[in-house]
Protein backbone atom coordinates (compact mmCIF):
# COMPACT_ATOMS: atom_id res chain seq x y z
CA UNK A 1 -6.34 -265.81 59.11
CA UNK A 2 -8.44 -262.69 59.59
CA UNK A 3 -8.63 -261.23 63.09
CA UNK A 4 -11.66 -259.25 64.23
CA UNK A 5 -11.89 -256.92 67.19
CA UNK A 6 -15.68 -256.81 67.20
CA UNK A 7 -16.15 -253.74 69.38
CA UNK A 8 -14.34 -251.69 66.73
CA UNK A 9 -15.82 -253.47 63.72
CA UNK A 10 -12.62 -253.67 61.74
CA UNK A 11 -9.83 -255.99 60.74
CA UNK A 12 -6.72 -255.61 62.82
CA UNK A 13 -4.50 -256.37 59.84
CA UNK A 14 -5.92 -256.08 56.31
CA UNK A 15 -2.68 -257.39 54.81
CA UNK A 16 -3.44 -260.92 56.04
CA UNK A 17 -4.50 -263.34 53.34
CA UNK A 18 -8.21 -264.11 53.65
CA UNK A 19 -8.67 -267.88 53.57
CA UNK A 20 -11.96 -267.95 55.45
CA UNK A 21 -10.37 -268.55 58.86
CA UNK A 22 -11.28 -266.06 61.57
CA UNK A 23 -10.45 -265.40 65.19
CA UNK A 24 -12.65 -262.85 66.91
CA UNK A 25 -12.47 -260.96 70.22
CA UNK A 26 -15.79 -259.58 71.42
CA UNK A 27 -17.90 -258.75 74.45
CA UNK A 28 -21.41 -260.06 75.03
CA UNK A 29 -24.40 -258.17 76.40
CA UNK A 30 -23.25 -258.79 79.95
CA UNK A 31 -19.81 -257.31 79.26
CA UNK A 32 -17.90 -260.61 79.34
CA UNK A 33 -15.19 -261.03 76.69
CA UNK A 34 -14.74 -264.10 74.52
CA UNK A 35 -12.32 -265.40 71.91
CA UNK A 36 -14.21 -267.05 69.06
CA UNK A 37 -12.66 -269.13 66.28
CA UNK A 38 -13.83 -270.34 62.89
CA UNK A 39 -11.24 -272.40 60.97
CA UNK A 40 -12.39 -274.08 57.76
CA UNK A 41 -9.08 -274.59 55.94
CA UNK A 42 -5.76 -275.98 57.16
CA UNK A 43 -3.39 -273.21 58.11
CA UNK A 44 0.12 -273.53 59.53
CA UNK A 45 0.36 -271.78 62.87
CA UNK A 46 4.03 -270.91 62.36
CA UNK A 47 3.47 -269.41 58.91
CA UNK A 48 0.34 -267.39 59.61
CA UNK A 49 -0.02 -266.60 63.30
CA UNK A 50 3.31 -267.05 65.09
CA UNK A 51 4.58 -263.57 64.15
CA UNK A 52 1.32 -261.97 65.38
CA UNK A 53 2.32 -262.83 68.95
CA UNK A 54 5.29 -260.47 68.63
CA UNK A 55 3.04 -257.48 67.90
CA UNK A 56 2.04 -254.94 70.52
CA UNK A 57 -1.50 -256.30 70.54
CA UNK A 58 -2.69 -259.76 69.59
CA UNK A 59 -5.97 -261.61 69.92
CA UNK A 60 -4.61 -264.84 71.36
CA UNK A 61 -6.44 -268.09 72.11
CA UNK A 62 -5.61 -270.12 68.99
CA UNK A 63 -6.39 -273.84 69.30
CA UNK A 64 -3.61 -275.80 67.60
CA UNK A 65 -2.70 -279.45 67.16
CA UNK A 66 -0.52 -281.69 65.00
CA UNK A 67 -1.57 -281.66 61.35
CA UNK A 68 -1.60 -285.48 61.23
CA UNK A 69 -4.91 -285.54 63.10
CA UNK A 70 -6.72 -284.41 59.96
CA UNK A 71 -5.41 -287.28 57.83
CA UNK A 72 -7.36 -289.61 60.11
CA UNK A 73 -10.33 -287.47 61.08
CA UNK A 74 -13.03 -289.35 59.14
CA UNK A 75 -11.54 -292.73 60.07
CA UNK A 76 -11.62 -291.89 63.78
CA UNK A 77 -15.18 -290.59 63.51
CA UNK A 78 -16.27 -293.88 61.91
CA UNK A 79 -14.39 -295.87 64.57
CA UNK A 80 -16.11 -293.87 67.31
CA UNK A 81 -19.53 -294.50 65.76
CA UNK A 82 -18.72 -298.22 65.63
CA UNK A 83 -17.55 -298.25 69.28
CA UNK A 84 -14.01 -299.30 68.36
CA UNK A 85 -12.03 -298.68 71.55
CA UNK A 86 -8.60 -299.01 69.93
CA UNK A 87 -8.84 -298.20 66.22
CA UNK A 88 -5.15 -297.31 65.74
CA UNK A 89 -1.88 -296.24 67.35
CA UNK A 90 -1.21 -292.51 67.43
CA UNK A 91 2.42 -291.86 66.49
CA UNK A 92 2.31 -288.05 66.47
CA UNK A 93 1.91 -285.52 69.28
CA UNK A 94 -1.67 -286.20 70.39
CA UNK A 95 -1.96 -283.03 72.50
CA UNK A 96 -4.19 -280.06 71.79
CA UNK A 97 -2.93 -276.63 72.84
CA UNK A 98 -4.31 -273.14 73.38
CA UNK A 99 -1.79 -270.44 72.46
CA UNK A 100 -1.65 -267.43 74.78
CA UNK A 101 0.66 -264.52 75.40
CA UNK A 102 1.74 -264.85 79.00
CA UNK A 103 2.07 -262.04 81.54
CA UNK A 104 5.81 -262.02 80.93
CA UNK A 105 5.09 -260.94 77.33
CA UNK A 106 6.15 -264.27 75.82
CA UNK A 107 3.80 -266.63 73.95
CA UNK A 108 3.24 -270.24 74.95
CA UNK A 109 1.19 -273.19 73.75
CA UNK A 110 -0.59 -274.62 76.80
CA UNK A 111 -1.80 -278.20 76.61
CA UNK A 112 -5.36 -278.81 77.79
CA UNK A 113 -6.90 -282.16 78.72
CA UNK A 114 -3.58 -284.08 78.70
CA UNK A 115 -5.31 -287.48 78.78
CA UNK A 116 -7.09 -286.81 75.48
CA UNK A 117 -6.59 -289.97 73.35
CA UNK A 118 -3.50 -290.87 75.39
CA UNK A 119 -4.46 -294.60 75.59
CA UNK A 120 -3.80 -294.80 71.83
CA UNK A 121 -0.22 -293.48 72.15
CA UNK A 122 2.28 -296.38 72.35
CA UNK A 123 4.53 -296.26 75.40
CA UNK A 124 2.63 -293.46 77.12
CA UNK A 125 1.91 -294.29 80.74
CA UNK A 126 -1.73 -293.36 81.22
CA UNK A 127 -1.13 -292.84 84.95
CA UNK A 128 1.53 -290.18 84.36
CA UNK A 129 0.11 -287.92 81.65
CA UNK A 130 1.72 -284.52 81.97
CA UNK A 131 0.22 -281.21 81.00
CA UNK A 132 2.83 -279.43 78.91
CA UNK A 133 3.59 -275.77 78.19
CA UNK A 134 5.73 -275.05 75.13
CA UNK A 135 7.22 -271.69 74.09
CA UNK A 136 5.91 -271.07 70.59
CA UNK A 137 9.46 -270.48 69.36
CA UNK A 138 10.00 -274.21 69.98
CA UNK A 139 6.98 -275.39 67.97
CA UNK A 140 7.78 -277.31 64.80
CA UNK A 141 6.07 -276.60 61.50
CA UNK A 142 3.79 -279.59 62.05
CA UNK A 143 1.23 -277.62 64.07
CA UNK A 144 -1.88 -276.18 62.47
CA UNK A 145 -4.93 -274.26 63.60
CA UNK A 146 -7.50 -276.91 64.49
CA UNK A 147 -10.30 -277.25 61.95
CA UNK A 148 -13.53 -276.25 63.67
CA UNK A 149 -15.64 -278.53 61.44
CA UNK A 150 -13.54 -281.58 62.30
CA UNK A 151 -14.70 -284.58 64.30
CA UNK A 152 -11.52 -284.54 66.36
CA UNK A 153 -11.98 -280.96 67.59
CA UNK A 154 -15.56 -281.78 68.51
CA UNK A 155 -14.25 -284.71 70.59
CA UNK A 156 -11.62 -282.47 72.19
CA UNK A 157 -14.26 -279.87 73.02
CA UNK A 158 -16.39 -282.57 74.64
CA UNK A 159 -13.42 -283.50 76.85
CA UNK A 160 -12.45 -279.92 77.70
CA UNK A 161 -15.89 -278.31 77.80
CA UNK A 162 -15.01 -276.18 80.85
CA UNK A 163 -12.70 -274.19 78.57
CA UNK A 164 -13.50 -274.81 74.88
CA UNK A 165 -17.18 -274.43 73.95
CA UNK A 166 -19.27 -274.48 70.80
CA UNK A 167 -20.23 -270.99 69.58
CA UNK A 168 -23.50 -270.34 67.78
CA UNK A 169 -23.32 -266.68 66.83
CA UNK A 170 -21.11 -263.58 66.40
CA UNK A 171 -19.14 -264.69 63.32
CA UNK A 172 -21.31 -265.17 60.23
CA UNK A 173 -19.43 -267.90 58.36
CA UNK A 174 -20.46 -271.33 57.19
CA UNK A 175 -17.98 -273.09 59.46
CA UNK A 176 -18.55 -274.36 62.97
CA UNK A 177 -17.34 -271.96 65.64
CA UNK A 178 -15.77 -272.43 69.08
CA UNK A 179 -15.16 -269.92 71.83
CA UNK A 180 -12.96 -269.59 74.90
CA UNK A 181 -13.96 -267.06 77.55
CA UNK A 182 -11.44 -264.35 78.38
CA UNK A 183 -11.48 -265.56 82.00
CA UNK A 184 -10.08 -268.92 80.87
CA UNK A 185 -7.52 -267.19 78.62
CA UNK A 186 -6.37 -265.12 81.62
CA UNK A 187 -5.99 -268.25 83.74
CA UNK A 188 -3.95 -269.91 80.97
CA UNK A 189 -1.69 -266.86 80.84
CA UNK A 190 -1.12 -267.13 84.59
CA UNK A 191 -0.09 -270.79 84.57
CA UNK A 192 2.18 -270.15 81.55
CA UNK A 193 3.82 -267.28 83.47
CA UNK A 194 4.27 -269.38 86.62
CA UNK A 195 5.70 -272.23 84.57
CA UNK A 196 8.22 -269.84 83.01
CA UNK A 197 9.29 -268.55 86.44
CA UNK A 198 9.70 -272.10 87.74
CA UNK A 199 11.90 -272.93 84.76
CA UNK A 200 14.15 -270.06 85.97
CA UNK A 201 14.44 -271.66 89.41
CA UNK A 202 11.61 -269.93 91.33
CA UNK A 203 9.82 -272.81 93.03
CA UNK A 204 8.44 -270.68 95.88
CA UNK A 205 5.98 -268.15 94.46
CA UNK A 206 3.24 -266.18 96.18
CA UNK A 207 0.69 -264.03 94.38
CA UNK A 208 -0.79 -261.13 96.33
CA UNK A 209 -4.48 -260.61 95.56
CA UNK A 210 -6.50 -257.64 96.74
CA UNK A 211 -9.89 -256.50 95.49
CA UNK A 212 -12.81 -254.48 96.91
CA UNK A 213 -14.95 -257.58 96.25
CA UNK A 214 -12.20 -259.91 97.37
CA UNK A 215 -14.28 -262.96 98.24
CA UNK A 216 -16.15 -263.23 94.94
CA UNK A 217 -13.09 -262.23 92.89
CA UNK A 218 -10.95 -264.89 94.58
CA UNK A 219 -13.61 -267.53 93.95
CA UNK A 220 -13.73 -266.44 90.30
CA UNK A 221 -9.97 -266.83 89.97
CA UNK A 222 -9.93 -270.13 91.84
CA UNK A 223 -12.56 -271.69 89.56
CA UNK A 224 -10.84 -270.68 86.33
CA UNK A 225 -7.34 -271.61 87.51
CA UNK A 226 -8.50 -275.11 88.42
CA UNK A 227 -10.37 -275.55 85.14
CA UNK A 228 -7.29 -274.88 82.99
CA UNK A 229 -4.78 -276.67 85.25
CA UNK A 230 -4.50 -280.19 83.89
CA UNK A 231 -2.25 -281.56 86.62
CA UNK A 232 1.38 -282.72 86.67
CA UNK A 233 2.77 -279.28 85.85
CA UNK A 234 5.01 -279.40 88.92
CA UNK A 235 2.89 -276.86 90.80
CA UNK A 236 -0.68 -276.31 91.88
CA UNK A 237 -2.41 -273.03 92.80
CA UNK A 238 -3.36 -272.93 96.49
CA UNK A 239 -5.68 -270.24 97.87
CA UNK A 240 -5.18 -269.74 101.61
CA UNK A 241 -6.22 -267.15 104.18
CA UNK A 242 -3.37 -267.47 106.69
CA UNK A 243 0.33 -268.25 106.68
CA UNK A 244 1.32 -271.90 106.83
CA UNK A 245 4.34 -273.86 105.61
CA UNK A 246 3.72 -275.15 102.09
CA UNK A 247 5.48 -277.57 99.77
CA UNK A 248 7.46 -276.04 96.90
CA UNK A 249 5.03 -277.53 94.35
CA UNK A 250 2.35 -275.12 95.58
CA UNK A 251 1.90 -271.60 94.24
CA UNK A 252 0.27 -269.61 97.03
CA UNK A 253 -2.41 -267.01 96.27
CA UNK A 254 -3.29 -264.89 99.30
CA UNK A 255 -4.20 -261.47 100.70
CA UNK A 256 -1.37 -258.90 100.73
CA UNK A 257 -0.65 -259.22 104.46
CA UNK A 258 -0.38 -263.01 104.18
CA UNK A 259 1.63 -262.77 100.94
CA UNK A 260 4.20 -260.54 102.65
CA UNK A 261 4.78 -263.23 105.29
CA UNK A 262 5.62 -265.68 102.52
CA UNK A 263 7.90 -263.08 100.93
CA UNK A 264 9.83 -262.79 104.22
CA UNK A 265 10.31 -266.55 104.11
CA UNK A 266 11.96 -266.55 100.69
CA UNK A 267 9.02 -266.57 98.27
CA UNK A 268 9.03 -264.53 95.08
CA UNK A 269 6.18 -262.03 95.54
CA UNK A 270 3.99 -261.09 92.59
CA UNK A 271 0.99 -258.78 92.59
CA UNK A 272 -2.05 -260.14 90.75
CA UNK A 273 -3.14 -256.78 89.32
CA UNK A 274 0.41 -255.81 88.34
CA UNK A 275 0.56 -259.16 86.54
CA UNK A 276 -2.64 -258.80 84.50
CA UNK A 277 -1.88 -255.15 83.75
CA UNK A 278 1.43 -256.02 82.08
CA UNK A 279 3.85 -254.77 84.73
CA UNK A 280 6.04 -257.91 84.40
CA UNK A 281 6.43 -257.81 80.61
CA UNK A 282 10.14 -257.71 79.79
CA UNK A 283 11.19 -257.87 83.45
CA UNK A 284 14.51 -259.60 84.11
CA UNK A 285 13.76 -262.40 86.56
CA UNK A 286 17.31 -263.69 86.77
CA UNK A 287 18.46 -264.10 90.42
CA UNK A 288 20.93 -261.22 90.17
CA UNK A 289 18.43 -258.72 88.70
CA UNK A 290 17.40 -255.51 90.48
CA UNK A 291 13.75 -256.55 90.29
CA UNK A 292 14.29 -259.72 92.28
CA UNK A 293 16.52 -257.99 94.82
CA UNK A 294 13.76 -255.46 95.42
CA UNK A 295 11.52 -258.26 96.65
CA UNK A 296 14.09 -260.03 98.83
């Protein structure tokens, strides 16, 4: 896959085999950044893109899924056109993921729209569909970059249109293109980071947020966090303006003076701008580390 950084008009890595697949990072006329993808041939994520996430800089935002989808793509399109509500049983991982490099520096595949085609998965309780976050080191070789001309990605985009949208310009290829706004990518990185911390035992987390335009910035963050949070992750982002006792499944986002009150009551304190600026990359979050003691 070729990777473009449009503002510099160059390939990031000319050694990559050119198979027509492209991921592009660009800004529009308003200054908003987007990740745009055009994937016309099947490409193993592990073989072609996994190692890119170990580099100092990577354009993340790959949309991946199990390769088995594309053995049934035309069949499912026909079944949809014929209004067949249960054309088959899905025996593979039905989830679609967006791959991001989290604010801890590690890469994760974050499942979006966890109910997507779940009624066709035998034994899956449709009332308990969990959003999943998988470290990319744990992905099998069965995952591929989702074909942007496929029926199944179109259906997924229809179900997750707050995040994954059709793209009509920027990359001049014959294939269909999709884009994910950088704001959604940032929100995905945050929930991947929080999920990682919770897996280390930190169930009480508060994020301190301060900005000269605090009200509008907080609303911006709130909207994007809720759009990428698919539920059943074990936590939910709560934006509050005063201290109150919360359940451990809440991640509190608050002004610095409120955040410090949570810190005094045993919460792990993170700073939003330190997080997005890479200050927590490589930090040891084990309970005995100096970093954690500093915030106790």
